[in-house]
């Protein structure tokens, strides 16, 4: 047993002008290139896992947003996949 948590991670650009959209694309490219984000990026690109729900999980390049929802998950900072999401948050 253990504690289970609901975890939601949302990143949304405030502006959608040309420069902000370019910055968003650069941000996503950096995440894809940063090996410590590999696990999270695979999950964001390939659908949900670890208890995520909904089809809206992922990266929306058009609206410059990232969304993932884990409804009932054991979120241990020592788990590799959790560390991967934490690296995205750190960026």
C-alpha atoms as a PDB file:
ATOM      1  CA  UNK A   1       0.000   0.000   0.000  1.00  0.00           C
ATOM      2  CA  UNK A   2       0.995   3.605   0.171  1.00  0.00           C
ATOM      3  CA  UNK A   3      -0.275   7.039  -0.481  1.00  0.00           C
ATOM      4  CA  UNK A   4      -1.707   7.803  -3.874  1.00  0.00           C
ATOM      5  CA  UNK A   5      -1.849  11.281  -5.301  1.00  0.00           C
ATOM      6  CA  UNK A   6      -3.557  13.219  -8.018  1.00  0.00           C
ATOM      7  CA  UNK A   7      -0.904  15.067 -10.008  1.00  0.00           C
ATOM      8  CA  UNK A   8      -1.582  17.592 -12.760  1.00  0.00           C
ATOM      9  CA  UNK A   9       1.172  19.314 -14.719  1.00  0.00           C
ATOM     10  CA  UNK A  10       0.195  22.179 -17.014  1.00  0.00           C
ATOM     11  CA  UNK A  11       2.453  24.493 -18.980  1.00  0.00           C
ATOM     12  CA  UNK A  12       0.705  27.136 -21.080  1.00  0.00           C
ATOM     13  CA  UNK A  13       2.163  30.092 -22.979  1.00  0.00           C
ATOM     14  CA  UNK A  14       0.427  33.364 -22.168  1.00  0.00           C
ATOM     15  CA  UNK A  15       0.990  34.880 -25.579  1.00  0.00           C
ATOM     16  CA  UNK A  16       0.626  33.304 -28.978  1.00  0.00           C
ATOM     17  CA  UNK A  17       2.449  35.926 -31.012  1.00  0.00           C
ATOM     18  CA  UNK A  18       5.084  34.771 -33.484  1.00  0.00           C
ATOM     19  CA  UNK A  19       8.016  35.167 -31.060  1.00  0.00           C
ATOM     20  CA  UNK A  20       6.239  33.271 -28.255  1.00  0.00           C
ATOM     21  CA  UNK A  21       5.312  30.422 -30.594  1.00  0.00           C
ATOM     22  CA  UNK A  22       8.944  30.229 -31.746  1.00  0.00           C
ATOM     23  CA  UNK A  23      10.047  30.156 -28.071  1.00  0.00           C
ATOM     24  CA  UNK A  24       7.547  27.361 -27.367  1.00  0.00           C
ATOM     25  CA  UNK A  25       8.918  25.258 -30.222  1.00  0.00           C
ATOM     26  CA  UNK A  26      12.455  25.866 -28.940  1.00  0.00           C
ATOM     27  CA  UNK A  27      11.368  24.850 -25.405  1.00  0.00           C
ATOM     28  CA  UNK A  28       9.879  21.558 -26.667  1.00  0.00           C
ATOM     29  CA  UNK A  29      12.960  20.875 -28.813  1.00  0.00           C
ATOM     30  CA  UNK A  30      15.153  21.392 -25.728  1.00  0.00           C
ATOM     31  CA  UNK A  31      13.004  18.958 -23.729  1.00  0.00           C
ATOM     32  CA  UNK A  32      13.274  16.353 -26.490  1.00  0.00           C
ATOM     33  CA  UNK A  33      17.061  16.765 -26.595  1.00  0.00           C
ATOM     34  CA  UNK A  34      17.557  16.675 -22.805  1.00  0.00           C
ATOM     35  CA  UNK A  35      18.122  13.005 -21.956  1.00  0.00           C
ATOM     36  CA  UNK A  36      16.836  13.404 -18.385  1.00  0.00           C
ATOM     37  CA  UNK A  37      13.387  14.245 -19.835  1.00  0.00           C
ATOM     38  CA  UNK A  38      13.234  11.179 -22.115  1.00  0.00           C
ATOM     39  CA  UNK A  39      10.787   9.171 -20.019  1.00  0.00           C
ATOM     40  CA  UNK A  40       8.342  12.051 -19.583  1.00  0.00           C
ATOM     41  CA  UNK A  41       8.587  13.096 -23.217  1.00  0.00           C
ATOM     42  CA  UNK A  42       7.864   9.545 -24.394  1.00  0.00           C
ATOM     43  CA  UNK A  43       4.807   9.528 -22.164  1.00  0.00           C
ATOM     44  CA  UNK A  44       3.640  12.948 -23.380  1.00  0.00           C
ATOM     45  CA  UNK A  45       4.111  11.950 -27.012  1.00  0.00           C
ATOM     46  CA  UNK A  46       2.595   8.445 -26.744  1.00  0.00           C
ATOM     47  CA  UNK A  47      -0.439   8.805 -24.503  1.00  0.00           C
ATOM     48  CA  UNK A  48      -1.001   8.196 -20.836  1.00  0.00           C
ATOM     49  CA  UNK A  49       0.553   5.697 -18.468  1.00  0.00           C
ATOM     50  CA  UNK A  50       0.980   5.446 -14.686  1.00  0.00           C
ATOM     51  CA  UNK A  51      -2.693   6.247 -14.094  1.00  0.00           C
ATOM     52  CA  UNK A  52      -3.126   9.242 -16.370  1.00  0.00           C
ATOM     53  CA  UNK A  53      -6.646   9.776 -17.641  1.00  0.00           C
ATOM     54  CA  UNK A  54      -8.178  11.528 -20.585  1.00  0.00           C
ATOM     55  CA  UNK A  55      -7.145  11.930 -24.177  1.00  0.00           C
ATOM     56  CA  UNK A  56      -5.960  15.497 -23.635  1.00  0.00           C
ATOM     57  CA  UNK A  57      -2.653  14.371 -22.111  1.00  0.00           C
ATOM     58  CA  UNK A  58       0.283  15.502 -24.181  1.00  0.00           C
ATOM     59  CA  UNK A  59       1.816  18.447 -25.962  1.00  0.00           C
ATOM     60  CA  UNK A  60      -0.300  20.774 -28.096  1.00  0.00           C
ATOM     61  CA  UNK A  61       2.085  22.584 -30.415  1.00  0.00           C
ATOM     62  CA  UNK A  62      -0.672  24.696 -31.980  1.00  0.00           C
ATOM     63  CA  UNK A  63      -1.899  26.111 -28.657  1.00  0.00           C
ATOM     64  CA  UNK A  64       1.555  26.065 -27.039  1.00  0.00           C
ATOM     65  CA  UNK A  65       0.563  23.916 -24.077  1.00  0.00           C
ATOM     66  CA  UNK A  66       1.594  20.788 -22.222  1.00  0.00           C
ATOM     67  CA  UNK A  67      -0.878  18.856 -20.074  1.00  0.00           C
ATOM     68  CA  UNK A  68      -0.693  15.613 -18.135  1.00  0.00           C
ATOM     69  CA  UNK A  69      -3.027  14.294 -15.440  1.00  0.00           C
ATOM     70  CA  UNK A  70      -2.364  11.360 -13.145  1.00  0.00           C
ATOM     71  CA  UNK A  71      -5.572  10.566 -11.270  1.00  0.00           C
ATOM     72  CA  UNK A  72      -4.303   7.981  -8.791  1.00  0.00           C
ATOM     73  CA  UNK A  73      -0.546   7.515  -8.784  1.00  0.00           C
ATOM     74  CA  UNK A  74       2.304   6.780  -6.402  1.00  0.00           C
ATOM     75  CA  UNK A  75       4.565   9.794  -7.026  1.00  0.00           C
ATOM     76  CA  UNK A  76       7.954   8.926  -5.562  1.00  0.00           C
ATOM     77  CA  UNK A  77      10.777  11.372  -6.304  1.00  0.00           C
ATOM     78  CA  UNK A  78      13.160   8.417  -6.562  1.00  0.00           C
ATOM     79  CA  UNK A  79      11.293   6.896  -9.541  1.00  0.00           C
ATOM     80  CA  UNK A  80      12.987   7.579 -12.868  1.00  0.00           C
ATOM     81  CA  UNK A  81       9.748   8.604 -14.643  1.00  0.00           C
ATOM     82  CA  UNK A  82       8.898  11.064 -11.827  1.00  0.00           C
ATOM     83  CA  UNK A  83      12.398  12.553 -11.982  1.00  0.00           C
ATOM     84  CA  UNK A  84      11.889  12.980 -15.716  1.00  0.00           C
ATOM     85  CA  UNK A  85       8.735  15.062 -15.178  1.00  0.00           C
ATOM     86  CA  UNK A  86      10.505  17.037 -12.449  1.00  0.00           C
ATOM     87  CA  UNK A  87      13.229  17.946 -14.969  1.00  0.00           C
ATOM     88  CA  UNK A  88      10.539  19.365 -17.262  1.00  0.00           C
ATOM     89  CA  UNK A  89       9.233  21.459 -14.389  1.00  0.00           C
ATOM     90  CA  UNK A  90      12.784  22.618 -13.623  1.00  0.00           C
ATOM     91  CA  UNK A  91      13.251  23.794 -17.217  1.00  0.00           C
END
